[in-house]
Amino acid sequence: MNGLWIAHYKRADGSDGNGIVMFRAGEIMGGDFVRVWTGTFEEEGSHLSARLRVVPCMSREERGTMAKEKPIMVTLTGCFGERDAVLTGCPDESDTPVTIEMYKAA
């Protein structure tokens, strides 16, 4: 799983986006033009679980203000192969699912 991945995420509310993610030694770092995320991951066979802390790059309106002081925490599970991965989960305190499809870049 270690390496640089291209990510496409979709939320059930219709919002989506693209970003990059670096997996290394159990840690995740990534972002897009709007948010940055950090966290941890565990892999067992082809199963993957991750816990992410998502914060905005800058203050902006997004169906209300997403303050840097109150990050969104997300727990995701899924599976991965040599070149692709799919994770699904929900942000804490939300029932709006998110799906992340990733493709290995390097």
N, C-alpha and C. Protein backbone atom coordinates (compact mmCIF):
# COMPACT_ATOMS: atom_id res chain seq x y z
N MET A 1 0.83 -1.20 0.00
CA MET A 1 0.00 0.00 0.00
C MET A 1 0.87 1.26 0.00
N ASN A 2 2.09 1.16 0.51
CA ASN A 2 2.96 2.33 0.56
C ASN A 2 3.16 2.93 -0.83
N GLY A 3 3.18 4.25 -0.89
CA GLY A 3 3.42 4.93 -2.15
C GLY A 3 2.45 6.08 -2.38
N LEU A 4 2.55 6.67 -3.55
CA LEU A 4 1.72 7.81 -3.94
C LEU A 4 0.52 7.31 -4.75
N TRP A 5 -0.68 7.78 -4.37
CA TRP A 5 -1.92 7.35 -5.00
C TRP A 5 -2.71 8.58 -5.47
N ILE A 6 -3.43 8.42 -6.58
CA ILE A 6 -4.38 9.42 -7.06
C ILE A 6 -5.75 9.01 -6.52
N ALA A 7 -6.48 9.94 -5.92
CA ALA A 7 -7.76 9.62 -5.29
C ALA A 7 -8.90 10.40 -5.92
N HIS A 8 -10.04 9.73 -6.07
CA HIS A 8 -11.29 10.37 -6.46
C HIS A 8 -12.30 10.02 -5.38
N TYR A 9 -12.87 11.05 -4.74
CA TYR A 9 -13.84 10.77 -3.69
C TYR A 9 -15.21 11.27 -4.10
N LYS A 10 -16.24 10.54 -3.65
CA LYS A 10 -17.64 10.89 -3.92
C LYS A 10 -18.41 10.76 -2.62
N ARG A 11 -19.27 11.76 -2.38
CA ARG A 11 -20.18 11.69 -1.23
C ARG A 11 -21.58 11.41 -1.75
N ALA A 12 -22.40 10.79 -0.91
CA ALA A 12 -23.76 10.46 -1.29
C ALA A 12 -24.59 11.69 -1.60
N ASP A 13 -24.17 12.88 -1.11
CA ASP A 13 -24.90 14.11 -1.39
C ASP A 13 -24.59 14.68 -2.77
N GLY A 14 -23.73 13.99 -3.55
CA GLY A 14 -23.41 14.41 -4.90
C GLY A 14 -22.10 15.17 -5.04
N SER A 15 -21.48 15.58 -3.94
CA SER A 15 -20.20 16.28 -4.04
C SER A 15 -19.08 15.27 -4.31
N ASP A 16 -18.05 15.73 -5.01
CA ASP A 16 -16.92 14.87 -5.29
C ASP A 16 -15.67 15.70 -5.52
N GLY A 17 -14.53 15.05 -5.66
CA GLY A 17 -13.29 15.75 -5.89
C GLY A 17 -12.15 14.78 -6.15
N ASN A 18 -11.00 15.34 -6.48
CA ASN A 18 -9.80 14.56 -6.76
C ASN A 18 -8.65 15.09 -5.93
N GLY A 19 -7.73 14.21 -5.59
CA GLY A 19 -6.56 14.63 -4.82
C GLY A 19 -5.46 13.59 -4.91
N ILE A 20 -4.45 13.80 -4.11
CA ILE A 20 -3.35 12.84 -4.03
C ILE A 20 -3.21 12.39 -2.59
N VAL A 21 -2.72 11.17 -2.42
CA VAL A 21 -2.56 10.58 -1.09
C VAL A 21 -1.23 9.85 -1.05
N MET A 22 -0.46 10.07 0.03
CA MET A 22 0.77 9.33 0.25
C MET A 22 0.56 8.40 1.43
N PHE A 23 0.78 7.11 1.20
CA PHE A 23 0.74 6.11 2.25
C PHE A 23 2.18 5.72 2.56
N ARG A 24 2.56 5.77 3.85
CA ARG A 24 3.91 5.40 4.22
C ARG A 24 3.97 5.00 5.68
N ALA A 25 4.40 3.78 5.93
CA ALA A 25 4.64 3.27 7.29
C ALA A 25 3.47 3.52 8.23
N GLY A 26 2.25 3.22 7.77
CA GLY A 26 1.07 3.37 8.60
C GLY A 26 0.49 4.76 8.69
N GLU A 27 1.09 5.72 7.99
CA GLU A 27 0.59 7.10 8.01
C GLU A 27 0.07 7.50 6.63
N ILE A 28 -0.94 8.38 6.65
CA ILE A 28 -1.55 8.91 5.42
C ILE A 28 -1.40 10.42 5.43
N MET A 29 -0.99 10.98 4.28
CA MET A 29 -0.94 12.43 4.10
C MET A 29 -1.46 12.71 2.70
N GLY A 30 -2.30 13.74 2.56
CA GLY A 30 -2.82 14.04 1.23
C GLY A 30 -3.61 15.32 1.21
N GLY A 31 -4.20 15.58 0.06
CA GLY A 31 -5.03 16.76 -0.06
C GLY A 31 -5.49 17.00 -1.48
N ASP A 32 -6.29 18.05 -1.60
CA ASP A 32 -6.75 18.53 -2.89
C ASP A 32 -6.69 20.06 -2.83
N PHE A 33 -7.40 20.75 -3.70
CA PHE A 33 -7.34 22.21 -3.69
C PHE A 33 -8.15 22.84 -2.56
N VAL A 34 -8.96 22.04 -1.87
CA VAL A 34 -9.85 22.57 -0.85
C VAL A 34 -9.50 22.09 0.55
N ARG A 35 -9.05 20.85 0.69
CA ARG A 35 -8.80 20.25 2.00
C ARG A 35 -7.45 19.54 2.05
N VAL A 36 -6.96 19.36 3.25
CA VAL A 36 -5.82 18.49 3.49
C VAL A 36 -6.26 17.42 4.48
N TRP A 37 -5.64 16.26 4.40
CA TRP A 37 -5.98 15.20 5.33
C TRP A 37 -4.74 14.46 5.78
N THR A 38 -4.78 14.03 7.02
CA THR A 38 -3.72 13.23 7.62
C THR A 38 -4.39 12.11 8.40
N GLY A 39 -3.65 11.06 8.64
CA GLY A 39 -4.24 9.98 9.41
C GLY A 39 -3.36 8.76 9.46
N THR A 40 -4.00 7.66 9.81
CA THR A 40 -3.30 6.39 9.94
C THR A 40 -4.05 5.32 9.14
N PHE A 41 -3.33 4.27 8.79
CA PHE A 41 -3.97 3.15 8.11
C PHE A 41 -3.36 1.84 8.59
N GLU A 42 -4.15 0.79 8.45
CA GLU A 42 -3.71 -0.57 8.74
C GLU A 42 -4.14 -1.45 7.58
N GLU A 43 -3.29 -2.37 7.21
CA GLU A 43 -3.62 -3.32 6.17
C GLU A 43 -3.45 -4.73 6.69
N GLU A 44 -4.37 -5.59 6.28
CA GLU A 44 -4.31 -7.01 6.64
C GLU A 44 -4.72 -7.79 5.41
N GLY A 45 -3.76 -8.44 4.78
CA GLY A 45 -4.03 -9.07 3.50
C GLY A 45 -4.39 -7.99 2.50
N SER A 46 -5.55 -8.11 1.87
CA SER A 46 -6.00 -7.08 0.94
C SER A 46 -7.02 -6.14 1.58
N HIS A 47 -7.25 -6.27 2.88
CA HIS A 47 -8.20 -5.41 3.59
C HIS A 47 -7.47 -4.17 4.11
N LEU A 48 -8.12 -3.01 4.02
CA LEU A 48 -7.52 -1.75 4.44
C LEU A 48 -8.50 -1.00 5.33
N SER A 49 -8.00 -0.44 6.42
CA SER A 49 -8.80 0.45 7.25
C SER A 49 -8.01 1.72 7.50
N ALA A 50 -8.71 2.85 7.57
CA ALA A 50 -8.05 4.15 7.72
C ALA A 50 -8.87 5.06 8.61
N ARG A 51 -8.17 5.93 9.30
CA ARG A 51 -8.79 6.97 10.12
C ARG A 51 -8.17 8.28 9.68
N LEU A 52 -9.00 9.23 9.18
CA LEU A 52 -8.50 10.48 8.63
C LEU A 52 -9.01 11.69 9.40
N ARG A 53 -8.18 12.71 9.47
CA ARG A 53 -8.53 14.03 9.99
C ARG A 53 -8.52 14.98 8.80
N VAL A 54 -9.67 15.55 8.47
CA VAL A 54 -9.81 16.39 7.28
C VAL A 54 -10.04 17.84 7.71
N VAL A 55 -9.22 18.76 7.19
CA VAL A 55 -9.36 20.19 7.50
C VAL A 55 -9.28 20.99 6.20
N PRO A 56 -9.93 22.16 6.17
CA PRO A 56 -9.86 22.98 4.96
C PRO A 56 -8.49 23.63 4.80
N CYS A 57 -8.12 23.89 3.55
CA CYS A 57 -6.87 24.60 3.28
C CYS A 57 -6.98 26.05 3.73
N MET A 58 -8.20 26.62 3.65
CA MET A 58 -8.46 27.99 4.06
C MET A 58 -9.93 28.09 4.41
N SER A 59 -10.32 29.12 5.12
CA SER A 59 -11.72 29.30 5.46
C SER A 59 -12.52 29.52 4.19
N ARG A 60 -13.68 28.88 4.10
CA ARG A 60 -14.55 29.07 2.96
C ARG A 60 -15.95 28.58 3.31
N GLU A 61 -16.92 29.06 2.58
CA GLU A 61 -18.30 28.61 2.78
C GLU A 61 -18.47 27.24 2.15
N GLU A 62 -19.06 26.35 2.88
CA GLU A 62 -19.29 25.01 2.36
C GLU A 62 -20.51 24.44 3.08
N ARG A 63 -21.69 24.95 2.70
CA ARG A 63 -22.92 24.62 3.41
C ARG A 63 -22.72 24.89 4.89
N GLY A 64 -22.23 26.06 5.18
CA GLY A 64 -21.85 26.44 6.53
C GLY A 64 -20.34 26.45 6.58
N THR A 65 -19.79 27.02 7.59
CA THR A 65 -18.34 27.15 7.68
C THR A 65 -17.72 25.90 8.27
N MET A 66 -16.69 25.40 7.62
CA MET A 66 -15.91 24.29 8.16
C MET A 66 -14.68 24.90 8.80
N ALA A 67 -14.68 24.98 10.11
CA ALA A 67 -13.59 25.66 10.81
C ALA A 67 -12.39 24.74 10.96
N LYS A 68 -11.19 25.32 10.84
CA LYS A 68 -9.97 24.55 11.05
C LYS A 68 -9.90 24.00 12.46
N GLU A 69 -10.56 24.69 13.40
CA GLU A 69 -10.54 24.26 14.79
C GLU A 69 -11.42 23.04 15.01
N LYS A 70 -12.28 22.72 14.06
CA LYS A 70 -13.16 21.56 14.21
C LYS A 70 -13.02 20.68 12.97
N PRO A 71 -11.99 19.84 12.93
CA PRO A 71 -11.78 18.98 11.76
C PRO A 71 -12.88 17.93 11.65
N ILE A 72 -13.01 17.40 10.47
CA ILE A 72 -13.91 16.28 10.24
C ILE A 72 -13.08 15.00 10.38
N MET A 73 -13.55 14.09 11.20
CA MET A 73 -12.89 12.80 11.38
C MET A 73 -13.68 11.76 10.59
N VAL A 74 -12.96 10.92 9.84
CA VAL A 74 -13.59 9.93 8.97
C VAL A 74 -12.93 8.57 9.19
N THR A 75 -13.75 7.54 9.34
CA THR A 75 -13.27 6.17 9.41
C THR A 75 -13.69 5.45 8.14
N LEU A 76 -12.74 4.81 7.48
CA LEU A 76 -12.98 4.16 6.19
C LEU A 76 -12.47 2.72 6.22
N THR A 77 -13.13 1.85 5.48
CA THR A 77 -12.66 0.48 5.31
C THR A 77 -12.83 0.10 3.86
N GLY A 78 -12.05 -0.88 3.43
CA GLY A 78 -12.16 -1.34 2.06
C GLY A 78 -11.10 -2.35 1.72
N CYS A 79 -10.79 -2.41 0.43
CA CYS A 79 -9.79 -3.38 -0.02
C CYS A 79 -8.88 -2.72 -1.05
N PHE A 80 -7.73 -3.35 -1.26
CA PHE A 80 -6.77 -2.81 -2.22
C PHE A 80 -6.07 -3.93 -2.94
N GLY A 81 -5.59 -3.59 -4.12
CA GLY A 81 -4.77 -4.48 -4.92
C GLY A 81 -3.45 -3.81 -5.20
N GLU A 82 -2.73 -4.34 -6.15
CA GLU A 82 -1.42 -3.78 -6.47
C GLU A 82 -1.50 -2.36 -7.03
N ARG A 83 -2.54 -2.06 -7.80
CA ARG A 83 -2.64 -0.77 -8.48
C ARG A 83 -3.88 0.04 -8.15
N ASP A 84 -4.84 -0.52 -7.39
CA ASP A 84 -6.07 0.22 -7.09
C ASP A 84 -6.60 -0.13 -5.71
N ALA A 85 -7.49 0.73 -5.21
CA ALA A 85 -8.09 0.53 -3.89
C ALA A 85 -9.43 1.25 -3.84
N VAL A 86 -10.34 0.75 -3.01
CA VAL A 86 -11.63 1.39 -2.79
C VAL A 86 -11.91 1.37 -1.30
N LEU A 87 -12.24 2.54 -0.75
CA LEU A 87 -12.58 2.68 0.67
C LEU A 87 -13.95 3.34 0.79
N THR A 88 -14.71 2.94 1.79
CA THR A 88 -16.00 3.58 2.06
C THR A 88 -16.13 3.81 3.56
N GLY A 89 -16.93 4.79 3.92
CA GLY A 89 -17.17 5.08 5.32
C GLY A 89 -17.98 6.35 5.46
N CYS A 90 -18.12 6.81 6.70
CA CYS A 90 -18.87 8.03 6.99
C CYS A 90 -18.06 8.90 7.94
N PRO A 91 -18.16 10.21 7.77
CA PRO A 91 -17.58 11.10 8.77
C PRO A 91 -18.26 10.88 10.12
N ASP A 92 -17.52 11.08 11.20
CA ASP A 92 -18.13 11.04 12.53
C ASP A 92 -19.27 12.05 12.56
N GLU A 93 -20.30 11.75 13.29
CA GLU A 93 -21.45 12.66 13.45
C GLU A 93 -22.17 12.94 12.14
N SER A 94 -22.07 12.01 11.18
CA SER A 94 -22.77 12.18 9.90
C SER A 94 -23.17 10.80 9.39
N ASP A 95 -24.25 10.76 8.65
CA ASP A 95 -24.65 9.50 8.03
C ASP A 95 -24.55 9.60 6.50
N THR A 96 -23.78 10.58 6.01
CA THR A 96 -23.57 10.73 4.57
C THR A 96 -22.33 9.95 4.17
N PRO A 97 -22.50 8.81 3.49
CA PRO A 97 -21.36 7.98 3.12
C PRO A 97 -20.44 8.67 2.12
N VAL A 98 -19.18 8.28 2.18
CA VAL A 98 -18.18 8.74 1.23
C VAL A 98 -17.46 7.49 0.68
N THR A 99 -17.16 7.52 -0.62
CA THR A 99 -16.40 6.46 -1.27
C THR A 99 -15.17 7.08 -1.89
N ILE A 100 -14.03 6.43 -1.67
CA ILE A 100 -12.77 6.89 -2.25
C ILE A 100 -12.22 5.79 -3.14
N GLU A 101 -12.02 6.11 -4.42
CA GLU A 101 -11.39 5.20 -5.37
C GLU A 101 -9.98 5.73 -5.61
N MET A 102 -8.99 4.85 -5.50
CA MET A 102 -7.60 5.28 -5.65
C MET A 102 -6.87 4.41 -6.67
N TYR A 103 -5.92 5.05 -7.35
CA TYR A 103 -5.08 4.37 -8.32
C TYR A 103 -3.62 4.73 -8.03
N LYS A 104 -2.77 3.72 -7.98
CA LYS A 104 -1.37 3.96 -7.62
C LYS A 104 -0.66 4.77 -8.71
N ALA A 105 0.01 5.84 -8.28
CA ALA A 105 0.72 6.72 -9.20
C ALA A 105 2.19 6.39 -9.27
N ALA A 106 2.78 6.01 -8.15
CA ALA A 106 4.22 5.72 -8.12
C ALA A 106 4.53 4.71 -7.05
